[in-house]
Amino acid sequence: MKKIVVILGVLVGIAYCTVISVQAQTIANNNISITIECRKNYDSSVSKLKNIVDSTHSVITYRYEKAINDGKRQLTLTISSDNNGYSAINKKLQTLGKITNYTITTSGKNIDTLSMSSNLSINNNKKNKLLKMLDTMKVSNSDYNNYWTQVNTINSQLSLLTEQMKDIKEQIQRPYSFSVNIYEFSETNFVSSSKNQRALSIVGAGYCLYNITNSRKEISNTSFQGPFIRYSNSLCRLHLEVGLMKGKEYNDTMNTAAINKLLTIQVGQIFYPRYFGRGNLKFFNVFAGYDFGLVFANSKEKMSTFCQLAPNVGFEIFKYKYLFIDAKAGYKLSLYKLQFLSGPFFSGSFNFIF
């Protein structure tokens, strides 16, 4: 007798475990977070992203677009997909731009689908019984309102259970969830004052034209021109510039006392106006600045040294990640013979960023 009881107990245990295993269904969740830097046409890339979703029979469950830095846009999508869609989307997203972040988290959870189906059936039966009772019941009956309250409560439970079953079915069919953030590429502010930004070295070379406003033959040439080299640091907005200029009448042997060569060593700084992009535009970044330094003025008889201040304004004609071209104009104020060695200047340069 005891053996029979033990055998029955084992069989019941096996049957119970079998029921539990049938009731508990494991659903895999693969959450993928992707950030894409769009260097192409943003609107075209967004349209292409929608076509990718449609072509893989995936579903967009969430969509949000907002403005980010300097009016640029960012789109956030949540996409549900099946196994085939997962492979296809992974390959096609790379064509939209540079993927700057890609993380995937895999998890699983047990769902008692049998219990949920049973609850749906039980609640539906309760609801049908109550509705039949209400059909035969008079409105004046004291239990009439109470039964309707029960029906409404059951309706709420049925709605919740139905939504849960729908979500479970969706998760089973599409176990992959993509969170895609695609944003417009914004030019880096290479001359930013932000302390959190990495310092960039900028090396450039250019050509300068300098005209003396009230020149005298016995003091200097009427104008000078020549090349210069420049080194800049992006965070400090400071630059060091060395230039060599020759006078217009450099070969004039009659004016031995007149200055005919200028060696300039100066430091300077530039500032981007608030309402002109702050240096982030690809074309025509306006700036203002100053240069201050030493001038070694040479004639055929002697060499003089004096300081010079040059306030200026200019703009970056074209700006890319590793290169920009700028031009500026200003007025050189010499602190030696101010009236006879001062005048306007114009310069242009090519600059390379490292």
Protein backbone atom coordinates (compact mmCIF):
# COMPACT_ATOMS: atom_id res chain seq x y z
CA MET A 1 0.00 0.00 0.00
CA LYS A 2 2.80 2.40 0.90
CA LYS A 3 4.52 1.65 -2.40
CA ILE A 4 1.35 2.53 -4.28
CA VAL A 5 1.06 5.82 -2.37
CA VAL A 6 4.71 6.69 -3.14
CA ILE A 7 4.28 5.88 -6.84
CA LEU A 8 1.13 7.99 -7.02
CA GLY A 9 2.94 10.86 -5.30
CA VAL A 10 5.79 10.70 -7.82
CA LEU A 11 3.33 10.63 -10.74
CA VAL A 12 1.45 13.62 -9.32
CA GLY A 13 4.72 15.49 -8.90
CA ILE A 14 5.74 14.76 -12.49
CA ALA A 15 2.33 15.82 -13.74
CA TYR A 16 2.50 19.05 -11.71
CA CYS A 17 5.94 19.88 -13.06
CA THR A 18 4.70 19.18 -16.58
CA VAL A 19 1.78 21.56 -16.11
CA ILE A 20 4.08 24.25 -14.70
CA SER A 21 6.42 23.89 -17.67
CA VAL A 22 3.50 24.22 -20.06
CA GLN A 23 2.20 27.27 -18.22
CA ALA A 24 5.56 29.04 -17.99
CA GLN A 25 6.78 30.28 -21.38
CA THR A 26 10.14 32.00 -21.67
CA ILE A 27 10.22 35.12 -23.86
CA ALA A 28 13.59 36.41 -25.03
CA ASN A 29 14.15 40.18 -25.16
CA ASN A 30 16.99 41.60 -27.23
CA ASN A 31 17.25 45.34 -26.62
CA ILE A 32 19.58 47.12 -29.06
CA SER A 33 20.57 50.77 -28.62
CA ILE A 34 22.07 52.45 -31.70
CA THR A 35 23.24 56.05 -32.18
CA ILE A 36 23.89 57.25 -35.74
CA GLU A 37 25.67 60.46 -36.74
CA CYS A 38 24.09 61.54 -40.03
CA ARG A 39 26.66 63.31 -42.23
CA LYS A 40 24.41 63.13 -45.31
CA ASN A 41 21.08 64.78 -45.97
CA TYR A 42 19.12 64.30 -42.75
CA ASP A 43 15.63 64.27 -44.31
CA SER A 44 16.73 61.75 -46.91
CA SER A 45 18.25 59.50 -44.23
CA VAL A 46 15.06 59.63 -42.12
CA SER A 47 13.00 58.66 -45.16
CA LYS A 48 15.43 55.85 -45.91
CA LEU A 49 15.17 54.63 -42.31
CA LYS A 50 11.38 54.39 -42.64
CA ASN A 51 11.79 52.41 -45.86
CA ILE A 52 14.17 50.05 -44.08
CA VAL A 53 11.58 49.40 -41.37
CA ASP A 54 8.82 48.80 -43.92
CA SER A 55 10.96 46.52 -46.08
CA THR A 56 11.81 44.26 -43.13
CA HIS A 57 8.19 43.98 -41.94
CA SER A 58 9.19 45.61 -38.66
CA VAL A 59 7.02 47.93 -36.59
CA ILE A 60 7.73 51.43 -35.21
CA THR A 61 6.34 51.51 -31.67
CA TYR A 62 7.70 54.93 -30.64
CA ARG A 63 8.76 58.09 -32.51
CA TYR A 64 10.10 61.40 -31.18
CA GLU A 65 11.96 64.22 -32.95
CA LYS A 66 13.57 67.23 -31.30
CA ALA A 67 16.01 70.06 -32.02
CA ILE A 68 19.53 69.78 -30.66
CA ASN A 69 22.62 72.03 -30.99
CA ASP A 70 22.37 74.99 -33.38
CA GLY A 71 18.96 73.97 -34.71
CA LYS A 72 20.10 70.51 -35.76
CA ARG A 73 17.55 67.69 -35.42
CA GLN A 74 17.53 64.32 -33.74
CA LEU A 75 15.06 61.48 -34.31
CA THR A 76 14.48 58.68 -31.79
CA LEU A 77 12.69 55.52 -32.92
CA THR A 78 11.84 52.27 -31.20
CA ILE A 79 11.54 49.44 -33.70
CA SER A 80 10.27 45.91 -33.06
CA SER A 81 11.56 43.24 -35.39
CA ASP A 82 11.81 39.47 -35.94
CA ASN A 83 14.98 37.43 -36.55
CA ASN A 84 15.14 38.16 -40.29
CA GLY A 85 14.41 41.84 -39.73
CA TYR A 86 17.18 42.01 -37.13
CA SER A 87 19.82 40.85 -39.63
CA ALA A 88 18.52 43.09 -42.43
CA ILE A 89 18.24 46.22 -40.27
CA ASN A 90 21.74 45.74 -38.86
CA LYS A 91 23.21 45.77 -42.36
CA LYS A 92 21.13 48.65 -43.71
CA LEU A 93 21.50 51.06 -40.76
CA GLN A 94 25.21 51.42 -41.55
CA THR A 95 24.31 53.18 -44.81
CA LEU A 96 22.62 56.06 -42.96
CA GLY A 97 25.77 57.46 -41.33
CA LYS A 98 28.47 56.81 -38.79
CA ILE A 99 27.37 54.50 -35.94
CA THR A 100 28.82 56.08 -32.78
CA ASN A 101 27.20 53.70 -30.29
CA TYR A 102 25.92 50.12 -30.52
CA THR A 103 24.91 48.14 -27.43
CA ILE A 104 22.78 45.01 -27.15
CA THR A 105 21.25 43.59 -23.98
CA THR A 106 19.67 40.12 -24.00
CA SER A 107 17.28 38.98 -21.28
CA GLY A 108 14.46 36.49 -20.82
CA LYS A 109 11.34 36.36 -18.69
CA ASN A 110 8.83 33.62 -17.89
CA ILE A 111 5.22 34.34 -18.77
CA ASP A 112 2.35 32.16 -17.50
CA THR A 113 0.33 32.33 -20.71
CA LEU A 114 -1.92 29.43 -19.70
CA SER A 115 -2.95 31.22 -16.52
CA MET A 116 -3.64 34.41 -18.46
CA SER A 117 -5.79 32.52 -20.98
CA SER A 118 -7.65 30.85 -18.11
CA ASN A 119 -8.28 34.24 -16.48
CA LEU A 120 -9.61 35.58 -19.77
CA SER A 121 -12.00 32.64 -20.07
CA ILE A 122 -13.16 32.89 -16.44
CA ASN A 123 -13.77 36.62 -16.68
CA ASN A 124 -15.63 36.25 -19.96
CA ASN A 125 -17.90 33.60 -18.39
CA LYS A 126 -18.56 35.83 -15.39
CA LYS A 127 -19.37 38.72 -17.65
CA ASN A 128 -21.78 36.66 -19.79
CA LYS A 129 -23.60 35.34 -16.71
CA LEU A 130 -23.96 38.83 -15.29
CA LEU A 131 -25.25 40.18 -18.62
CA LYS A 132 -27.85 37.38 -18.81
CA MET A 133 -28.99 38.19 -15.28
CA LEU A 134 -29.20 41.88 -16.16
CA ASP A 135 -31.34 41.08 -19.23
CA THR A 136 -33.95 39.47 -17.04
CA MET A 137 -33.64 41.95 -14.18
CA LYS A 138 -35.68 45.08 -13.75
CA VAL A 139 -33.88 48.40 -13.43
CA SER A 140 -35.69 49.00 -10.15
CA ASN A 141 -34.05 45.94 -8.64
CA SER A 142 -31.69 46.85 -5.82
CA ASP A 143 -28.92 44.62 -7.27
CA TYR A 144 -29.11 46.08 -10.78
CA ASN A 145 -26.49 48.82 -10.28
CA ASN A 146 -24.26 46.47 -8.30
CA TYR A 147 -24.22 43.98 -11.19
CA TRP A 148 -23.38 46.70 -13.70
CA THR A 149 -20.46 47.79 -11.50
CA GLN A 150 -19.19 44.21 -11.55
CA VAL A 151 -19.52 44.09 -15.35
CA ASN A 152 -17.49 47.31 -15.70
CA THR A 153 -14.82 45.95 -13.37
CA ILE A 154 -14.61 42.73 -15.40
CA ASN A 155 -14.41 44.77 -18.63
CA SER A 156 -11.40 46.65 -17.22
CA GLN A 157 -9.71 43.37 -16.28
CA LEU A 158 -10.45 41.90 -19.71
CA SER A 159 -9.05 44.97 -21.43
CA LEU A 160 -5.84 44.74 -19.37
CA LEU A 161 -5.47 41.00 -19.96
CA THR A 162 -6.12 41.41 -23.68
CA GLU A 163 -3.48 44.13 -23.93
CA GLN A 164 -1.00 41.97 -22.04
CA MET A 165 -1.68 39.00 -24.31
CA LYS A 166 -1.22 41.28 -27.33
CA ASP A 167 2.14 42.50 -26.01
CA ILE A 168 3.25 38.94 -25.33
CA LYS A 169 2.28 37.86 -28.82
CA GLU A 170 4.19 40.83 -30.24
CA GLN A 171 7.28 39.95 -28.18
CA ILE A 172 7.15 36.34 -29.33
CA GLN A 173 6.78 37.33 -32.99
CA ARG A 174 9.31 40.20 -32.80
CA PRO A 175 11.87 39.51 -30.05
CA TYR A 176 14.24 42.30 -31.17
CA SER A 177 13.72 45.90 -30.06
CA PHE A 178 15.86 48.63 -31.69
CA SER A 179 16.25 52.01 -30.05
CA VAL A 180 17.64 54.16 -32.90
CA ASN A 181 18.87 57.73 -32.39
CA ILE A 182 19.81 59.47 -35.63
CA TYR A 183 21.02 63.06 -35.48
CA GLU A 184 22.32 65.69 -37.88
CA PHE A 185 26.08 66.09 -37.93
CA SER A 186 27.20 69.40 -36.46
CA GLU A 187 30.58 70.90 -37.28
CA THR A 188 32.83 70.90 -34.24
CA ASN A 189 33.65 74.32 -32.87
CA PHE A 190 37.42 74.16 -33.34
CA VAL A 191 38.01 77.44 -31.49
CA SER A 192 35.76 76.75 -28.54
CA SER A 193 36.46 77.99 -25.04
CA SER A 194 34.90 74.91 -23.45
CA LYS A 195 37.26 73.32 -20.94
CA ASN A 196 35.69 69.92 -21.54
CA GLN A 197 36.65 69.87 -25.20
CA ARG A 198 39.93 68.33 -26.33
CA ALA A 199 42.52 70.95 -27.30
CA LEU A 200 43.31 70.97 -31.03
CA SER A 201 46.47 72.26 -32.68
CA ILE A 202 46.03 74.42 -35.77
CA VAL A 203 48.92 75.19 -38.13
CA GLY A 204 48.46 77.66 -40.95
CA ALA A 205 50.24 79.72 -43.60
CA GLY A 206 49.12 82.81 -45.47
CA TYR A 207 49.94 86.07 -47.19
CA CYS A 208 49.56 89.66 -45.92
CA LEU A 209 49.25 93.04 -47.66
CA TYR A 210 50.05 96.12 -45.54
CA ASN A 211 49.71 99.71 -46.72
CA ILE A 212 51.15 102.77 -44.94
CA THR A 213 48.53 105.54 -44.74
CA ASN A 214 50.89 108.55 -44.43
CA SER A 215 54.18 107.23 -45.69
CA ARG A 216 57.36 109.27 -46.08
CA LYS A 217 60.17 108.16 -48.34
CA GLU A 218 62.82 108.90 -45.74
CA ILE A 219 60.98 106.72 -43.16
CA SER A 220 59.54 103.69 -44.95
CA ASN A 221 58.16 102.20 -48.13
CA THR A 222 54.55 102.98 -49.02
CA SER A 223 53.39 99.36 -48.72
CA PHE A 224 54.61 95.91 -47.68
CA GLN A 225 53.63 92.36 -48.53
CA GLY A 226 54.80 88.87 -47.66
CA PRO A 227 54.05 85.42 -46.22
CA PHE A 228 53.49 84.38 -42.64
CA ILE A 229 53.06 81.17 -40.63
CA ARG A 230 50.69 80.70 -37.71
CA TYR A 231 50.18 78.28 -34.84
CA SER A 232 46.85 78.25 -32.90
CA ASN A 233 45.33 76.42 -29.96
CA SER A 234 41.59 75.79 -30.21
CA LEU A 235 40.68 76.08 -26.53
CA CYS A 236 42.52 79.30 -25.73
CA ARG A 237 41.62 80.96 -29.03
CA LEU A 238 45.19 82.26 -29.06
CA HIS A 239 47.63 82.16 -31.93
CA LEU A 240 51.30 82.92 -32.56
CA GLU A 241 52.16 84.42 -35.93
CA VAL A 242 55.52 85.06 -37.59
CA GLY A 243 55.68 86.99 -40.87
CA LEU A 244 58.23 88.53 -43.22
CA MET A 245 57.22 91.41 -45.49
CA LYS A 246 59.16 93.34 -48.08
CA GLY A 247 58.55 96.90 -49.21
CA LYS A 248 57.21 97.93 -52.58
CA GLU A 249 60.39 99.89 -53.36
CA TYR A 250 62.64 97.20 -51.92
CA ASN A 251 65.18 97.54 -54.76
CA ASP A 252 65.25 101.35 -54.61
CA THR A 253 68.94 102.11 -53.91
CA MET A 254 68.25 105.82 -53.36
CA ASN A 255 66.34 105.38 -50.07
CA THR A 256 68.98 103.78 -47.87
CA ALA A 257 67.37 105.05 -44.64
CA ALA A 258 63.81 103.97 -45.50
CA ILE A 259 62.46 100.78 -43.93
CA ASN A 260 62.18 98.09 -46.60
CA LYS A 261 61.80 94.85 -44.60
CA LEU A 262 59.53 93.94 -41.71
CA LEU A 263 59.84 90.85 -39.52
CA THR A 264 56.76 90.53 -37.30
CA ILE A 265 56.35 88.24 -34.29
CA GLN A 266 52.93 88.63 -32.71
CA VAL A 267 50.31 86.90 -30.63
CA GLY A 268 46.59 87.29 -31.14
CA GLN A 269 43.14 86.14 -30.18
CA ILE A 270 39.80 85.84 -31.98
CA PHE A 271 36.17 85.87 -30.81
CA TYR A 272 33.09 84.46 -32.53
CA PRO A 273 29.92 86.59 -32.25
CA ARG A 274 26.98 85.00 -30.46
CA TYR A 275 24.52 85.45 -33.33
CA PHE A 276 26.73 84.17 -36.17
CA GLY A 277 27.04 80.48 -35.31
CA ARG A 278 29.88 80.77 -32.77
CA GLY A 279 32.30 79.22 -35.25
CA ASN A 280 30.17 76.12 -35.94
CA LEU A 281 29.07 77.00 -39.49
CA LYS A 282 30.57 75.34 -42.53
CA PHE A 283 30.76 78.63 -44.45
CA PHE A 284 31.39 82.25 -43.45
CA ASN A 285 32.06 82.09 -39.71
CA VAL A 286 32.44 85.76 -38.73
CA PHE A 287 35.01 86.68 -36.07
CA ALA A 288 36.74 89.68 -34.52
CA GLY A 289 40.17 89.77 -32.92
CA TYR A 290 43.45 91.51 -32.31
CA ASP A 291 47.19 90.96 -32.84
CA PHE A 292 49.95 92.42 -30.71
CA GLY A 293 53.68 91.91 -30.99
CA LEU A 294 57.13 93.07 -32.02
CA VAL A 295 58.17 94.44 -35.40
CA PHE A 296 61.81 94.31 -36.49
CA ALA A 297 62.03 97.04 -39.14
CA ASN A 298 65.12 96.90 -41.34
CA SER A 299 66.57 99.48 -43.71
CA LYS A 300 69.89 99.44 -45.56
CA GLU A 301 71.40 101.57 -42.80
CA LYS A 302 69.92 100.24 -39.54
CA MET A 303 67.28 98.10 -37.82
CA SER A 304 64.57 99.45 -35.50
CA THR A 305 62.36 97.50 -33.11
CA PHE A 306 58.91 98.61 -31.98
CA CYS A 307 55.55 97.23 -30.86
CA GLN A 308 52.45 97.09 -33.00
CA LEU A 309 48.73 96.55 -32.22
CA ALA A 310 46.36 95.38 -34.94
CA PRO A 311 42.60 95.13 -34.24
CA ASN A 312 40.85 93.18 -36.99
CA VAL A 313 37.68 91.48 -38.24
CA GLY A 314 37.32 88.56 -40.62
CA PHE A 315 35.51 85.38 -41.56
CA GLU A 316 36.27 81.74 -42.23
CA ILE A 317 35.40 81.22 -45.89
CA PHE A 318 35.17 77.45 -45.58
CA LYS A 319 35.50 75.18 -42.55
CA TYR A 320 35.85 71.42 -42.40
CA LYS A 321 36.93 68.99 -39.70
CA TYR A 322 40.62 69.11 -40.69
CA LEU A 323 40.91 72.34 -42.66
CA PHE A 324 39.63 75.89 -42.82
CA ILE A 325 40.37 78.96 -44.97
CA ASP A 326 40.06 82.42 -43.50
CA ALA A 327 40.52 86.06 -44.45
CA LYS A 328 40.74 89.14 -42.25
CA ALA A 329 41.31 92.88 -42.48
CA GLY A 330 42.30 95.43 -39.89
CA TYR A 331 44.48 98.39 -39.01
CA LYS A 332 48.07 98.21 -37.75
CA LEU A 333 48.84 100.82 -35.09
CA SER A 334 52.60 101.22 -34.68
CA LEU A 335 53.79 102.43 -31.30
CA TYR A 336 56.83 103.97 -33.02
CA LYS A 337 56.30 106.90 -35.37
CA LEU A 338 52.57 106.19 -35.14
CA GLN A 339 51.54 108.61 -37.88
CA PHE A 340 54.04 107.34 -40.48
CA LEU A 341 54.07 103.56 -39.88
CA SER A 342 50.37 102.80 -39.36
CA GLY A 343 47.88 101.64 -41.93
CA PRO A 344 45.32 99.05 -43.05
CA PHE A 345 46.15 95.44 -43.84
CA PHE A 346 44.50 92.43 -45.44
CA SER A 347 45.52 88.78 -45.09
CA GLY A 348 44.32 85.31 -46.03
CA SER A 349 45.45 81.88 -44.87
CA PHE A 350 45.04 78.09 -45.09
CA ASN A 351 44.88 76.29 -41.75
CA PHE A 352 45.21 72.58 -40.93
CA ILE A 353 43.79 71.03 -37.76
CA PHE A 354 45.42 68.16 -35.83
